[in-house]
Amino acid sequence: MATTAVAFPILPGKTEEARRFAQEAMGPRQNEAAASFRRLAVTRETWHLQSTPMGDMVIVVMEAEDPAEAFKQWAASNDPFDRWFKQQAGAITGLDFNQPIPALPEQVYEWQG
């Protein structure tokens, strides 16, 4: 299993929309989200809102067999839930999630006790 963390910008004024999106994905659409994650071989995902001097960000931490492949498959997916998810996420970030993420972040440090 591999873990990655990716930071996505939140467009100005869209932070509360990001919170509502997370609540909908965790609440009424939880079963659809779980099915999508299973299809993509994602075993865990968390989202974290971070305020920065450059604006708000959402940090997505994903654990998957192959995170890069999971993002690639998700970008290409035409599943109705995945299409809804990508549309919502795109409206909040300004990114086109139908396109593969160019590269995952480079891990430069790790500590484990």
PDB file of N, CA and C in Angstrom:
ATOM      1  N   MET A   1       0.840  -1.174   0.000  1.00  0.00           N
ATOM      2  CA  MET A   1       0.000   0.000   0.000  1.00  0.00           C
ATOM      3  C   MET A   1       0.886   1.239   0.000  1.00  0.00           C
ATOM      4  N   ALA A   2       0.480   2.255  -0.732  1.00  0.00           N
ATOM      5  CA  ALA A   2       1.229   3.510  -0.814  1.00  0.00           C
ATOM      6  C   ALA A   2       0.331   4.658  -0.384  1.00  0.00           C
ATOM      7  N   THR A   3       0.948   5.695   0.143  1.00  0.00           N
ATOM      8  CA  THR A   3       0.217   6.885   0.577  1.00  0.00           C
ATOM      9  C   THR A   3       0.779   8.094  -0.137  1.00  0.00           C
ATOM     10  N   THR A   4      -0.108   8.981  -0.554  1.00  0.00           N
ATOM     11  CA  THR A   4       0.315  10.246  -1.139  1.00  0.00           C
ATOM     12  C   THR A   4      -0.569  11.350  -0.599  1.00  0.00           C
ATOM     13  N   ALA A   5      -0.066  12.560  -0.641  1.00  0.00           N
ATOM     14  CA  ALA A   5      -0.840  13.745  -0.250  1.00  0.00           C
ATOM     15  C   ALA A   5      -0.728  14.750  -1.379  1.00  0.00           C
ATOM     16  N   VAL A   6      -1.871  15.294  -1.791  1.00  0.00           N
ATOM     17  CA  VAL A   6      -1.907  16.259  -2.885  1.00  0.00           C
ATOM     18  C   VAL A   6      -2.673  17.489  -2.419  1.00  0.00           C
ATOM     19  N   ALA A   7      -2.117  18.669  -2.658  1.00  0.00           N
ATOM     20  CA  ALA A   7      -2.783  19.926  -2.296  1.00  0.00           C
ATOM     21  C   ALA A   7      -3.438  20.508  -3.542  1.00  0.00           C
ATOM     22  N   PHE A   8      -4.714  20.857  -3.404  1.00  0.00           N
ATOM     23  CA  PHE A   8      -5.458  21.479  -4.485  1.00  0.00           C
ATOM     24  C   PHE A   8      -5.923  22.863  -4.031  1.00  0.00           C
ATOM     25  N   PRO A   9      -5.843  23.861  -4.899  1.00  0.00           N
ATOM     26  CA  PRO A   9      -6.298  25.196  -4.508  1.00  0.00           C
ATOM     27  C   PRO A   9      -7.819  25.225  -4.401  1.00  0.00           C
ATOM     28  N   ILE A  10      -8.305  26.067  -3.537  1.00  0.00           N
ATOM     29  CA  ILE A  10      -9.742  26.343  -3.464  1.00  0.00           C
ATOM     30  C   ILE A  10      -9.939  27.757  -3.998  1.00  0.00           C
ATOM     31  N   LEU A  11     -10.823  27.894  -4.969  1.00  0.00           N
ATOM     32  CA  LEU A  11     -11.075  29.219  -5.530  1.00  0.00           C
ATOM     33  C   LEU A  11     -11.581  30.163  -4.445  1.00  0.00           C
ATOM     34  N   PRO A  12     -11.260  31.452  -4.555  1.00  0.00           N
ATOM     35  CA  PRO A  12     -11.737  32.421  -3.557  1.00  0.00           C
ATOM     36  C   PRO A  12     -13.253  32.329  -3.375  1.00  0.00           C
ATOM     37  N   GLY A  13     -13.674  32.304  -2.117  1.00  0.00           N
ATOM     38  CA  GLY A  13     -15.094  32.257  -1.797  1.00  0.00           C
ATOM     39  C   GLY A  13     -15.718  30.876  -1.871  1.00  0.00           C
ATOM     40  N   LYS A  14     -14.937  29.836  -2.149  1.00  0.00           N
ATOM     41  CA  LYS A  14     -15.486  28.484  -2.328  1.00  0.00           C
ATOM     42  C   LYS A  14     -15.208  27.538  -1.154  1.00  0.00           C
ATOM     43  N   THR A  15     -14.644  28.049  -0.053  1.00  0.00           N
ATOM     44  CA  THR A  15     -14.293  27.170   1.065  1.00  0.00           C
ATOM     45  C   THR A  15     -15.524  26.524   1.684  1.00  0.00           C
ATOM     46  N   GLU A  16     -16.586  27.289   1.890  1.00  0.00           N
ATOM     47  CA  GLU A  16     -17.802  26.695   2.467  1.00  0.00           C
ATOM     48  C   GLU A  16     -18.417  25.687   1.506  1.00  0.00           C
ATOM     49  N   GLU A  17     -18.313  25.945   0.211  1.00  0.00           N
ATOM     50  CA  GLU A  17     -18.788  24.976  -0.780  1.00  0.00           C
ATOM     51  C   GLU A  17     -17.976  23.681  -0.679  1.00  0.00           C
ATOM     52  N   ALA A  18     -16.675  23.803  -0.411  1.00  0.00           N
ATOM     53  CA  ALA A  18     -15.830  22.617  -0.230  1.00  0.00           C
ATOM     54  C   ALA A  18     -16.286  21.822   0.992  1.00  0.00           C
ATOM     55  N   ARG A  19     -16.627  22.518   2.068  1.00  0.00           N
ATOM     56  CA  ARG A  19     -17.137  21.833   3.270  1.00  0.00           C
ATOM     57  C   ARG A  19     -18.440  21.094   2.960  1.00  0.00           C
ATOM     58  N   ARG A  20     -19.346  21.758   2.240  1.00  0.00           N
ATOM     59  CA  ARG A  20     -20.632  21.123   1.899  1.00  0.00           C
ATOM     60  C   ARG A  20     -20.420  19.914   0.990  1.00  0.00           C
ATOM     61  N   PHE A  21     -19.491  20.026   0.061  1.00  0.00           N
ATOM     62  CA  PHE A  21     -19.163  18.914  -0.835  1.00  0.00           C
ATOM     63  C   PHE A  21     -18.673  17.718  -0.015  1.00  0.00           C
ATOM     64  N   ALA A  22     -17.774  17.964   0.929  1.00  0.00           N
ATOM     65  CA  ALA A  22     -17.267  16.882   1.788  1.00  0.00           C
ATOM     66  C   ALA A  22     -18.406  16.264   2.593  1.00  0.00           C
ATOM     67  N   GLN A  23     -19.284  17.107   3.124  1.00  0.00           N
ATOM     68  CA  GLN A  23     -20.413  16.588   3.913  1.00  0.00           C
ATOM     69  C   GLN A  23     -21.331  15.727   3.060  1.00  0.00           C
ATOM     70  N   GLU A  24     -21.561  16.135   1.809  1.00  0.00           N
ATOM     71  CA  GLU A  24     -22.423  15.335   0.932  1.00  0.00           C
ATOM     72  C   GLU A  24     -21.754  14.012   0.569  1.00  0.00           C
ATOM     73  N   ALA A  25     -20.440  14.058   0.290  1.00  0.00           N
ATOM     74  CA  ALA A  25     -19.718  12.825  -0.056  1.00  0.00           C
ATOM     75  C   ALA A  25     -19.672  11.863   1.133  1.00  0.00           C
ATOM     76  N   MET A  26     -19.568  12.399   2.359  1.00  0.00           N
ATOM     77  CA  MET A  26     -19.513  11.555   3.558  1.00  0.00           C
ATOM     78  C   MET A  26     -20.899  11.161   4.049  1.00  0.00           C
ATOM     79  N   GLY A  27     -21.904  11.901   3.625  1.00  0.00           N
ATOM     80  CA  GLY A  27     -23.250  11.664   4.124  1.00  0.00           C
ATOM     81  C   GLY A  27     -24.111  10.941   3.112  1.00  0.00           C
ATOM     82  N   PRO A  28     -24.995  11.693   2.441  1.00  0.00           N
ATOM     83  CA  PRO A  28     -25.964  11.053   1.542  1.00  0.00           C
ATOM     84  C   PRO A  28     -25.347  10.248   0.402  1.00  0.00           C
ATOM     85  N   ARG A  29     -24.120  10.582  -0.004  1.00  0.00           N
ATOM     86  CA  ARG A  29     -23.499   9.876  -1.134  1.00  0.00           C
ATOM     87  C   ARG A  29     -22.365   8.953  -0.683  1.00  0.00           C
ATOM     88  N   GLN A  30     -22.345   8.632   0.591  1.00  0.00           N
ATOM     89  CA  GLN A  30     -21.283   7.816   1.170  1.00  0.00           C
ATOM     90  C   GLN A  30     -21.158   6.457   0.490  1.00  0.00           C
ATOM     91  N   ASN A  31     -22.262   5.795   0.212  1.00  0.00           N
ATOM     92  CA  ASN A  31     -22.200   4.474  -0.432  1.00  0.00           C
ATOM     93  C   ASN A  31     -21.629   4.566  -1.837  1.00  0.00           C
ATOM     94  N   GLU A  32     -21.994   5.616  -2.566  1.00  0.00           N
ATOM     95  CA  GLU A  32     -21.447   5.813  -3.916  1.00  0.00           C
ATOM     96  C   GLU A  32     -19.950   6.103  -3.848  1.00  0.00           C
ATOM     97  N   ALA A  33     -19.559   6.924  -2.863  1.00  0.00           N
ATOM     98  CA  ALA A  33     -18.135   7.234  -2.684  1.00  0.00           C
ATOM     99  C   ALA A  33     -17.357   5.965  -2.375  1.00  0.00           C
ATOM    100  N   ALA A  34     -17.884   5.148  -1.466  1.00  0.00           N
ATOM    101  CA  ALA A  34     -17.205   3.899  -1.095  1.00  0.00           C
ATOM    102  C   ALA A  34     -17.054   2.985  -2.306  1.00  0.00           C
ATOM    103  N   ALA A  35     -18.090   2.884  -3.122  1.00  0.00           N
ATOM    104  CA  ALA A  35     -18.013   2.044  -4.326  1.00  0.00           C
ATOM    105  C   ALA A  35     -16.951   2.569  -5.289  1.00  0.00           C
ATOM    106  N   SER A  36     -16.890   3.875  -5.446  1.00  0.00           N
ATOM    107  CA  SER A  36     -15.888   4.486  -6.318  1.00  0.00           C
ATOM    108  C   SER A  36     -14.484   4.199  -5.805  1.00  0.00           C
ATOM    109  N   PHE A  37     -14.265   4.412  -4.503  1.00  0.00           N
ATOM    110  CA  PHE A  37     -12.944   4.156  -3.935  1.00  0.00           C
ATOM    111  C   PHE A  37     -12.557   2.688  -4.117  1.00  0.00           C
ATOM    112  N   ARG A  38     -13.491   1.776  -3.904  1.00  0.00           N
ATOM    113  CA  ARG A  38     -13.193   0.352  -4.090  1.00  0.00           C
ATOM    114  C   ARG A  38     -12.806   0.062  -5.547  1.00  0.00           C
ATOM    115  N   ARG A  39     -13.552   0.645  -6.498  1.00  0.00           N
ATOM    116  CA  ARG A  39     -13.231   0.446  -7.924  1.00  0.00           C
ATOM    117  C   ARG A  39     -11.811   0.901  -8.235  1.00  0.00           C
ATOM    118  N   LEU A  40     -11.383   1.961  -7.567  1.00  0.00           N
ATOM    119  CA  LEU A  40     -10.071   2.553  -7.841  1.00  0.00           C
ATOM    120  C   LEU A  40      -8.960   1.964  -6.959  1.00  0.00           C
ATOM    121  N   ALA A  41      -9.308   0.987  -6.124  1.00  0.00           N
ATOM    122  CA  ALA A  41      -8.361   0.345  -5.197  1.00  0.00           C
ATOM    123  C   ALA A  41      -7.786   1.351  -4.196  1.00  0.00           C
ATOM    124  N   VAL A  42      -8.631   2.310  -3.780  1.00  0.00           N
ATOM    125  CA  VAL A  42      -8.262   3.264  -2.732  1.00  0.00           C
ATOM    126  C   VAL A  42      -8.786   2.697  -1.417  1.00  0.00           C
ATOM    127  N   THR A  43      -7.910   2.559  -0.437  1.00  0.00           N
ATOM    128  CA  THR A  43      -8.310   1.972   0.844  1.00  0.00           C
ATOM    129  C   THR A  43      -8.597   3.025   1.910  1.00  0.00           C
ATOM    130  N   ARG A  44      -8.091   4.238   1.728  1.00  0.00           N
ATOM    131  CA  ARG A  44      -8.350   5.312   2.689  1.00  0.00           C
ATOM    132  C   ARG A  44      -8.107   6.642   2.010  1.00  0.00           C
ATOM    133  N   GLU A  45      -8.967   7.616   2.338  1.00  0.00           N
ATOM    134  CA  GLU A  45      -8.764   8.968   1.827  1.00  0.00           C
ATOM    135  C   GLU A  45      -9.274   9.953   2.861  1.00  0.00           C
ATOM    136  N   THR A  46      -8.489  10.981   3.125  1.00  0.00           N
ATOM    137  CA  THR A  46      -8.912  12.048   4.024  1.00  0.00           C
ATOM    138  C   THR A  46      -8.683  13.385   3.323  1.00  0.00           C
ATOM    139  N   TRP A  47      -9.525  14.348   3.677  1.00  0.00           N
ATOM    140  CA  TRP A  47      -9.399  15.705   3.131  1.00  0.00           C
ATOM    141  C   TRP A  47      -9.178  16.656   4.295  1.00  0.00           C
ATOM    142  N   HIS A  48      -8.301  17.627   4.086  1.00  0.00           N
ATOM    143  CA  HIS A  48      -7.961  18.595   5.124  1.00  0.00           C
ATOM    144  C   HIS A  48      -7.990  19.988   4.520  1.00  0.00           C
ATOM    145  N   LEU A  49      -8.739  20.904   5.134  1.00  0.00           N
ATOM    146  CA  LEU A  49      -8.738  22.291   4.678  1.00  0.00           C
ATOM    147  C   LEU A  49      -7.570  23.013   5.331  1.00  0.00           C
ATOM    148  N   GLN A  50      -6.820  23.771   4.535  1.00  0.00           N
ATOM    149  CA  GLN A  50      -5.668  24.508   5.030  1.00  0.00           C
ATOM    150  C   GLN A  50      -5.727  25.933   4.506  1.00  0.00           C
ATOM    151  N   SER A  51      -5.758  26.892   5.418  1.00  0.00           N
ATOM    152  CA  SER A  51      -5.683  28.303   5.028  1.00  0.00           C
ATOM    153  C   SER A  51      -4.215  28.682   4.908  1.00  0.00           C
ATOM    154  N   THR A  52      -3.864  29.346   3.818  1.00  0.00           N
ATOM    155  CA  THR A  52      -2.483  29.781   3.597  1.00  0.00           C
ATOM    156  C   THR A  52      -2.506  31.241   3.146  1.00  0.00           C
ATOM    157  N   PRO A  53      -1.365  31.911   3.183  1.00  0.00           N
ATOM    158  CA  PRO A  53      -1.316  33.280   2.660  1.00  0.00           C
ATOM    159  C   PRO A  53      -1.684  33.364   1.177  1.00  0.00           C
ATOM    160  N   MET A  54      -1.558  32.234   0.448  1.00  0.00           N
ATOM    161  CA  MET A  54      -1.898  32.210  -0.972  1.00  0.00           C
ATOM    162  C   MET A  54      -3.340  31.808  -1.221  1.00  0.00           C
ATOM    163  N   GLY A  55      -4.099  31.590  -0.148  1.00  0.00           N
ATOM    164  CA  GLY A  55      -5.482  31.170  -0.278  1.00  0.00           C
ATOM    165  C   GLY A  55      -5.696  29.815   0.365  1.00  0.00           C
ATOM    166  N   ASP A  56      -6.947  29.403   0.420  1.00  0.00           N
ATOM    167  CA  ASP A  56      -7.287  28.124   1.024  1.00  0.00           C
ATOM    168  C   ASP A  56      -6.953  26.980   0.071  1.00  0.00           C
ATOM    169  N   MET A  57      -6.607  25.854   0.681  1.00  0.00           N
ATOM    170  CA  MET A  57      -6.261  24.647  -0.067  1.00  0.00           C
ATOM    171  C   MET A  57      -7.005  23.478   0.558  1.00  0.00           C
ATOM    172  N   VAL A  58      -7.228  22.445  -0.231  1.00  0.00           N
ATOM    173  CA  VAL A  58      -7.677  21.169   0.320  1.00  0.00           C
ATOM    174  C   VAL A  58      -6.539  20.188   0.084  1.00  0.00           C
ATOM    175  N   ILE A  59      -6.124  19.538   1.163  1.00  0.00           N
ATOM    176  CA  ILE A  59      -5.057  18.551   1.082  1.00  0.00           C
ATOM    177  C   ILE A  59      -5.720  17.180   1.124  1.00  0.00           C
ATOM    178  N   VAL A  60      -5.516  16.414   0.089  1.00  0.00           N
ATOM    179  CA  VAL A  60      -6.097  15.077  -0.018  1.00  0.00           C
ATOM    180  C   VAL A  60      -4.995  14.061   0.276  1.00  0.00           C
ATOM    181  N   VAL A  61      -5.224  13.234   1.273  1.00  0.00           N
ATOM    182  CA  VAL A  61      -4.295  12.159   1.621  1.00  0.00           C
ATOM    183  C   VAL A  61      -4.954  10.851   1.185  1.00  0.00           C
ATOM    184  N   MET A  62      -4.280  10.145   0.317  1.00  0.00           N
ATOM    185  CA  MET A  62      -4.834   8.912  -0.255  1.00  0.00           C
ATOM    186  C   MET A  62      -3.915   7.739   0.018  1.00  0.00           C
ATOM    187  N   GLU A  63      -4.521   6.641   0.438  1.00  0.00           N
ATOM    188  CA  GLU A  63      -3.814   5.373   0.557  1.00  0.00           C
ATOM    189  C   GLU A  63      -4.411   4.439  -0.482  1.00  0.00           C
ATOM    190  N   ALA A  64      -3.564   3.885  -1.321  1.00  0.00           N
ATOM    191  CA  ALA A  64      -4.045   3.018  -2.406  1.00  0.00           C
ATOM    192  C   ALA A  64      -2.926   2.078  -2.821  1.00  0.00           C
ATOM    193  N   GLU A  65      -3.312   1.040  -3.518  1.00  0.00           N
ATOM    194  CA  GLU A  65      -2.321   0.118  -4.062  1.00  0.00           C
ATOM    195  C   GLU A  65      -1.356   0.898  -4.958  1.00  0.00           C
ATOM    196  N   ASP A  66      -1.888   1.776  -5.804  1.00  0.00           N
ATOM    197  CA  ASP A  66      -1.084   2.589  -6.721  1.00  0.00           C
ATOM    198  C   ASP A  66      -1.790   3.940  -6.881  1.00  0.00           C
ATOM    199  N   PRO A  67      -1.460   4.954  -6.058  1.00  0.00           N
ATOM    200  CA  PRO A  67      -2.163   6.238  -6.127  1.00  0.00           C
ATOM    201  C   PRO A  67      -2.146   6.886  -7.505  1.00  0.00           C
ATOM    202  N   ALA A  68      -1.027   6.826  -8.211  1.00  0.00           N
ATOM    203  CA  ALA A  68      -0.966   7.435  -9.540  1.00  0.00           C
ATOM    204  C   ALA A  68      -1.962   6.773 -10.484  1.00  0.00           C
ATOM    205  N   GLU A  69      -2.041   5.452 -10.426  1.00  0.00           N
ATOM    206  CA  GLU A  69      -2.991   4.718 -11.272  1.00  0.00           C
ATOM    207  C   GLU A  69      -4.435   5.028 -10.867  1.00  0.00           C
ATOM    208  N   ALA A  70      -4.682   5.162  -9.559  1.00  0.00           N
ATOM    209  CA  ALA A  70      -6.030   5.499  -9.091  1.00  0.00           C
ATOM    210  C   ALA A  70      -6.463   6.858  -9.640  1.00  0.00           C
ATOM    211  N   PHE A  71      -5.586   7.853  -9.584  1.00  0.00           N
ATOM    212  CA  PHE A  71      -5.917   9.170 -10.135  1.00  0.00           C
ATOM    213  C   PHE A  71      -6.150   9.082 -11.646  1.00  0.00           C
ATOM    214  N   LYS A  72      -5.331   8.292 -12.341  1.00  0.00           N
ATOM    215  CA  LYS A  72      -5.465   8.132 -13.794  1.00  0.00           C
ATOM    216  C   LYS A  72      -6.814   7.498 -14.150  1.00  0.00           C
ATOM    217  N   GLN A  73      -7.174   6.422 -13.446  1.00  0.00           N
ATOM    218  CA  GLN A  73      -8.447   5.744 -13.710  1.00  0.00           C
ATOM    219  C   GLN A  73      -9.627   6.655 -13.381  1.00  0.00           C
ATOM    220  N   TRP A  74      -9.514   7.410 -12.284  1.00  0.00           N
ATOM    221  CA  TRP A  74     -10.586   8.318 -11.888  1.00  0.00           C
ATOM    222  C   TRP A  74     -10.791   9.401 -12.944  1.00  0.00           C
ATOM    223  N   ALA A  75      -9.695   9.956 -13.464  1.00  0.00           N
ATOM    224  CA  ALA A  75      -9.799  10.995 -14.498  1.00  0.00           C
ATOM    225  C   ALA A  75     -10.545  10.468 -15.728  1.00  0.00           C
ATOM    226  N   ALA A  76     -10.320   9.217 -16.077  1.00  0.00           N
ATOM    227  CA  ALA A  76     -10.940   8.629 -17.264  1.00  0.00           C
ATOM    228  C   ALA A  76     -12.341   8.072 -17.006  1.00  0.00           C
ATOM    229  N   SER A  77     -12.752   8.001 -15.756  1.00  0.00           N
ATOM    230  CA  SER A  77     -14.016   7.350 -15.406  1.00  0.00           C
ATOM    231  C   SER A  77     -15.234   8.128 -15.897  1.00  0.00           C
ATOM    232  N   ASN A  78     -16.208   7.373 -16.406  1.00  0.00           N
ATOM    233  CA  ASN A  78     -17.502   7.932 -16.787  1.00  0.00           C
ATOM    234  C   ASN A  78     -18.608   7.468 -15.855  1.00  0.00           C
ATOM    235  N   ASP A  79     -18.240   6.856 -14.738  1.00  0.00           N
ATOM    236  CA  ASP A  79     -19.223   6.451 -13.741  1.00  0.00           C
ATOM    237  C   ASP A  79     -20.010   7.692 -13.302  1.00  0.00           C
ATOM    238  N   PRO A  80     -21.331   7.598 -13.154  1.00  0.00           N
ATOM    239  CA  PRO A  80     -22.128   8.779 -12.786  1.00  0.00           C
ATOM    240  C   PRO A  80     -21.661   9.469 -11.507  1.00  0.00           C
ATOM    241  N   PHE A  81     -21.309   8.707 -10.476  1.00  0.00           N
ATOM    242  CA  PHE A  81     -20.821   9.336  -9.247  1.00  0.00           C
ATOM    243  C   PHE A  81     -19.494  10.039  -9.494  1.00  0.00           C
ATOM    244  N   ASP A  82     -18.585   9.378 -10.210  1.00  0.00           N
ATOM    245  CA  ASP A  82     -17.281   9.986 -10.485  1.00  0.00           C
ATOM    246  C   ASP A  82     -17.443  11.264 -11.305  1.00  0.00           C
ATOM    247  N   ARG A  83     -18.359  11.254 -12.281  1.00  0.00           N
ATOM    248  CA  ARG A  83     -18.607  12.480 -13.059  1.00  0.00           C
ATOM    249  C   ARG A  83     -19.110  13.588 -12.151  1.00  0.00           C
ATOM    250  N   TRP A  84     -20.069  13.291 -11.256  1.00  0.00           N
ATOM    251  CA  TRP A  84     -20.577  14.282 -10.308  1.00  0.00           C
ATOM    252  C   TRP A  84     -19.442  14.801  -9.425  1.00  0.00           C
ATOM    253  N   PHE A  85     -18.640  13.876  -8.891  1.00  0.00           N
ATOM    254  CA  PHE A  85     -17.534  14.224  -7.995  1.00  0.00           C
ATOM    255  C   PHE A  85     -16.544  15.163  -8.691  1.00  0.00           C
ATOM    256  N   LYS A  86     -16.144  14.807  -9.926  1.00  0.00           N
ATOM    257  CA  LYS A  86     -15.184  15.624 -10.672  1.00  0.00           C
ATOM    258  C   LYS A  86     -15.762  16.992 -10.987  1.00  0.00           C
ATOM    259  N   GLN A  87     -17.060  17.059 -11.277  1.00  0.00           N
ATOM    260  CA  GLN A  87     -17.694  18.347 -11.562  1.00  0.00           C
ATOM    261  C   GLN A  87     -17.690  19.218 -10.313  1.00  0.00           C
ATOM    262  N   GLN A  88     -18.057  18.644  -9.176  1.00  0.00           N
ATOM    263  CA  GLN A  88     -18.073  19.392  -7.912  1.00  0.00           C
ATOM    264  C   GLN A  88     -16.668  19.867  -7.543  1.00  0.00           C
ATOM    265  N   ALA A  89     -15.714  18.942  -7.586  1.00  0.00           N
ATOM    266  CA  ALA A  89     -14.335  19.287  -7.230  1.00  0.00           C
ATOM    267  C   ALA A  89     -13.777  20.340  -8.186  1.00  0.00           C
ATOM    268  N   GLY A  90     -14.110  20.221  -9.453  1.00  0.00           N
ATOM    269  CA  GLY A  90     -13.638  21.198 -10.442  1.00  0.00           C
ATOM    270  C   GLY A  90     -14.207  22.583 -10.207  1.00  0.00           C
ATOM    271  N   ALA A  91     -15.478  22.652  -9.824  1.00  0.00           N
ATOM    272  CA  ALA A  91     -16.104  23.952  -9.556  1.00  0.00           C
ATOM    273  C   ALA A  91     -15.475  24.625  -8.333  1.00  0.00           C
ATOM    274  N   ILE A  92     -14.986  23.833  -7.405  1.00  0.00           N
ATOM    275  CA  ILE A  92     -14.382  24.372  -6.177  1.00  0.00           C
ATOM    276  C   ILE A  92     -12.921  24.759  -6.401  1.00  0.00           C
ATOM    277  N   THR A  93     -12.211  24.007  -7.230  1.00  0.00           N
ATOM    278  CA  THR A  93     -10.772  24.233  -7.405  1.00  0.00           C
ATOM    279  C   THR A  93     -10.405  24.960  -8.698  1.00  0.00           C
ATOM    280  N   GLY A  94     -11.304  24.915  -9.680  1.00  0.00           N
ATOM    281  CA  GLY A  94     -10.969  25.483 -10.983  1.00  0.00           C
ATOM    282  C   GLY A  94     -10.146  24.545 -11.843  1.00  0.00           C
ATOM    283  N   LEU A  95     -10.002  23.289 -11.425  1.00  0.00           N
ATOM    284  CA  LEU A  95      -9.210  22.318 -12.171  1.00  0.00           C
ATOM    285  C   LEU A  95     -10.111  21.374 -12.956  1.00  0.00           C
ATOM    286  N   ASP A  96      -9.589  20.834 -14.040  1.00  0.00           N
ATOM    287  CA  ASP A  96     -10.316  19.858 -14.843  1.00  0.00           C
ATOM    288  C   ASP A  96      -9.865  18.461 -14.423  1.00  0.00           C
ATOM    289  N   PHE A  97     -10.674  17.807 -13.605  1.00  0.00           N
ATOM    290  CA  PHE A  97     -10.316  16.492 -13.098  1.00  0.00           C
ATOM    291  C   PHE A  97     -10.594  15.377 -14.095  1.00  0.00           C
ATOM    292  N   ASN A  98     -11.045  15.714 -15.293  1.00  0.00           N
ATOM    293  CA  ASN A  98     -11.148  14.720 -16.355  1.00  0.00           C
ATOM    294  C   ASN A  98      -9.792  14.519 -17.020  1.00  0.00           C
ATOM    295  N   GLN A  99      -8.821  15.358 -16.656  1.00  0.00           N
ATOM    296  CA  GLN A  99      -7.455  15.230 -17.152  1.00  0.00           C
ATOM    297  C   GLN A  99      -6.605  14.617 -16.036  1.00  0.00           C
ATOM    298  N   PRO A 100      -5.709  13.717 -16.386  1.00  0.00           N
ATOM    299  CA  PRO A 100      -4.853  13.131 -15.347  1.00  0.00           C
ATOM    300  C   PRO A 100      -4.020  14.204 -14.642  1.00  0.00           C
ATOM    301  N   ILE A 101      -3.771  13.989 -13.365  1.00  0.00           N
ATOM    302  CA  ILE A 101      -2.889  14.879 -12.620  1.00  0.00           C
ATOM    303  C   ILE A 101      -1.495  14.722 -13.222  1.00  0.00           C
ATOM    304  N   PRO A 102      -0.838  15.835 -13.571  1.00  0.00           N
ATOM    305  CA  PRO A 102       0.452  15.725 -14.265  1.00  0.00           C
ATOM    306  C   PRO A 102       1.492  14.893 -13.508  1.00  0.00           C
ATOM    307  N   ALA A 103       1.568  15.074 -12.199  1.00  0.00           N
ATOM    308  CA  ALA A 103       2.538  14.312 -11.395  1.00  0.00           C
ATOM    309  C   ALA A 103       2.101  14.369  -9.942  1.00  0.00           C
ATOM    310  N   LEU A 104       2.367  13.303  -9.227  1.00  0.00           N
ATOM    311  CA  LEU A 104       2.107  13.304  -7.795  1.00  0.00           C
ATOM    312  C   LEU A 104       3.263  14.011  -7.089  1.00  0.00           C
ATOM    313  N   PRO A 105       3.008  14.514  -5.887  1.00  0.00           N
ATOM    314  CA  PRO A 105       4.074  15.206  -5.163  1.00  0.00           C
ATOM    315  C   PRO A 105       5.249  14.269  -4.866  1.00  0.00           C
ATOM    316  N   GLU A 106       6.408  14.860  -4.742  1.00  0.00           N
ATOM    317  CA  GLU A 106       7.606  14.123  -4.380  1.00  0.00           C
ATOM    318  C   GLU A 106       7.738  14.117  -2.860  1.00  0.00           C
ATOM    319  N   GLN A 107       7.784  12.947  -2.267  1.00  0.00           N
ATOM    320  CA  GLN A 107       8.007  12.858  -0.828  1.00  0.00           C
ATOM    321  C   GLN A 107       9.482  13.123  -0.571  1.00  0.00           C
ATOM    322  N   VAL A 108       9.767  14.079   0.316  1.00  0.00           N
ATOM    323  CA  VAL A 108      11.154  14.432   0.588  1.00  0.00           C
ATOM    324  C   VAL A 108      11.562  14.156   2.030  1.00  0.00           C
ATOM    325  N   TYR A 109      10.606  13.750   2.865  1.00  0.00           N
ATOM    326  CA  TYR A 109      10.928  13.485   4.270  1.00  0.00           C
ATOM    327  C   TYR A 109       9.907  12.545   4.860  1.00  0.00           C
ATOM    328  N   GLU A 110      10.346  11.649   5.713  1.00  0.00           N
ATOM    329  CA  GLU A 110       9.434  10.777   6.443  1.00  0.00           C
ATOM    330  C   GLU A 110      10.062  10.440   7.786  1.00  0.00           C
ATOM    331  N   TRP A 111       9.260  10.457   8.813  1.00  0.00           N
ATOM    332  CA  TRP A 111       9.686  10.016  10.138  1.00  0.00           C
ATOM    333  C   TRP A 111       8.635   9.068  10.649  1.00  0.00           C
ATOM    334  N   GLN A 112       9.065   8.009  11.270  1.00  0.00           N
ATOM    335  CA  GLN A 112       8.140   7.050  11.864  1.00  0.00           C
ATOM    336  C   GLN A 112       8.737   6.598  13.180  1.00  0.00           C
ATOM    337  N   GLY A 113       7.903   6.631  14.223  1.00  0.00           N
ATOM    338  CA  GLY A 113       8.388   6.255  15.551  1.00  0.00           C
ATOM    339  C   GLY A 113       8.213   4.807  15.865  1.00  0.00           C
TER     340      GLY A 113
END
